[in-house]
Protein backbone atom coordinates (compact mmCIF):
# COMPACT_ATOMS: atom_id res chain seq x y z
CA MET A 1 -70.77 -63.34 229.89
CA TYR A 2 -69.63 -60.89 232.53
CA GLN A 3 -68.38 -64.22 235.05
CA ILE A 4 -65.69 -65.08 231.82
CA TRP A 5 -64.51 -61.48 232.45
CA ILE A 6 -64.78 -61.66 236.27
CA ALA A 7 -62.75 -64.59 235.99
CA ILE A 8 -59.97 -62.90 233.34
CA ILE A 9 -59.89 -60.06 235.77
CA GLY A 10 -58.88 -62.47 238.98
CA ALA A 11 -56.81 -64.20 237.36
CA LEU A 12 -54.87 -61.13 236.46
CA ILE A 13 -54.68 -59.68 240.31
CA MET A 14 -53.58 -63.41 240.71
CA ALA A 15 -50.87 -62.87 238.60
CA GLY A 16 -50.07 -58.86 238.58
CA GLY A 17 -49.38 -59.61 242.68
CA LEU A 18 -46.99 -62.52 241.90
CA GLY A 19 -45.15 -60.74 239.48
CA GLY A 20 -44.88 -57.47 242.02
CA ILE A 21 -43.25 -60.10 244.57
CA PHE A 22 -41.14 -61.43 241.99
CA TYR A 23 -40.00 -58.68 241.65
CA LEU A 24 -38.58 -56.92 244.54
CA LEU A 25 -37.05 -60.46 245.48
CA ILE A 26 -35.19 -60.81 242.21
CA LYS A 27 -34.17 -57.16 241.28
CA GLN A 28 -34.32 -55.28 244.51
CA ASN A 29 -33.02 -58.63 246.51
CA ALA A 30 -35.87 -58.09 249.29
CA THR A 31 -36.50 -60.54 251.51
CA LEU A 32 -39.48 -62.43 251.78
CA GLY A 33 -41.03 -61.68 255.12
CA MET A 34 -44.67 -61.94 256.93
CA LYS A 35 -45.78 -58.85 255.36
CA THR A 36 -45.26 -59.82 251.99
CA ILE A 37 -46.80 -63.46 252.60
CA GLN A 38 -49.86 -61.49 253.61
CA PHE A 39 -49.90 -59.52 250.83
CA LEU A 40 -49.44 -62.87 248.94
CA ALA A 41 -52.55 -64.27 251.02
CA ILE A 42 -54.80 -61.21 250.05
CA VAL A 43 -53.93 -61.17 246.56
CA PHE A 44 -54.25 -64.96 245.78
CA ILE A 45 -57.50 -65.70 248.40
CA LEU A 46 -59.34 -62.92 247.84
CA PRO A 47 -59.81 -62.45 243.52
CA LEU A 48 -60.70 -66.53 243.80
CA MET A 49 -63.34 -65.89 246.28
CA LEU A 50 -64.99 -63.08 243.88
CA VAL A 51 -64.29 -65.65 240.95
CA LEU A 52 -65.78 -68.71 243.11
CA GLY A 53 -68.88 -66.39 244.66
CA VAL A 54 -69.67 -65.20 240.87
CA MET A 55 -69.86 -68.59 239.81
CA ASN A 56 -71.85 -70.31 242.60
CA VAL A 57 -69.13 -72.49 242.86
CA LEU A 58 -69.19 -70.85 247.12
CA GLY A 59 -72.49 -69.52 248.76
CA ARG A 60 -72.74 -66.52 250.90
CA GLU A 61 -72.06 -68.22 254.43
CA THR A 62 -68.63 -69.55 253.11
CA ILE A 63 -67.53 -66.29 251.64
CA GLY A 64 -68.08 -65.04 254.58
CA THR A 65 -66.46 -67.49 256.36
CA ILE A 66 -62.96 -66.78 254.20
CA LEU A 67 -63.75 -63.31 254.41
CA GLY A 68 -63.39 -63.35 257.43
CA VAL A 69 -60.35 -65.83 258.45
CA VAL A 70 -58.28 -63.68 256.01
CA VAL A 71 -59.17 -60.19 257.79
CA GLY A 72 -58.21 -61.86 260.93
CA TYR A 73 -55.25 -63.73 259.53
CA VAL A 74 -53.66 -60.01 257.63
CA LEU A 75 -54.56 -57.60 261.10
CA SER A 76 -53.24 -60.43 263.26
CA GLY A 77 -49.96 -58.91 262.67
CA PHE A 78 -50.39 -55.32 263.35
CA GLY A 79 -49.34 -55.22 266.78
CA LYS A 80 -46.60 -57.05 266.92
CA GLU A 81 -44.56 -54.42 265.12
């Protein structure tokens, strides 16, 4: 039963992140830059990993690997600013 709630919460996090980006792009005329793409990657991949991990679709090793890739991608642009 808790799996359904976690899936719903994950979907709400994804929808909220996408809605926030659309708000910035439309209302405030923001640009779709590197930080925005990194934010979208976090907002979509992490809740998806949580849901798939709880439902035993992904194993521990796979979740660790994907988490490492996401953290590396997000932190790769820190030194360039």
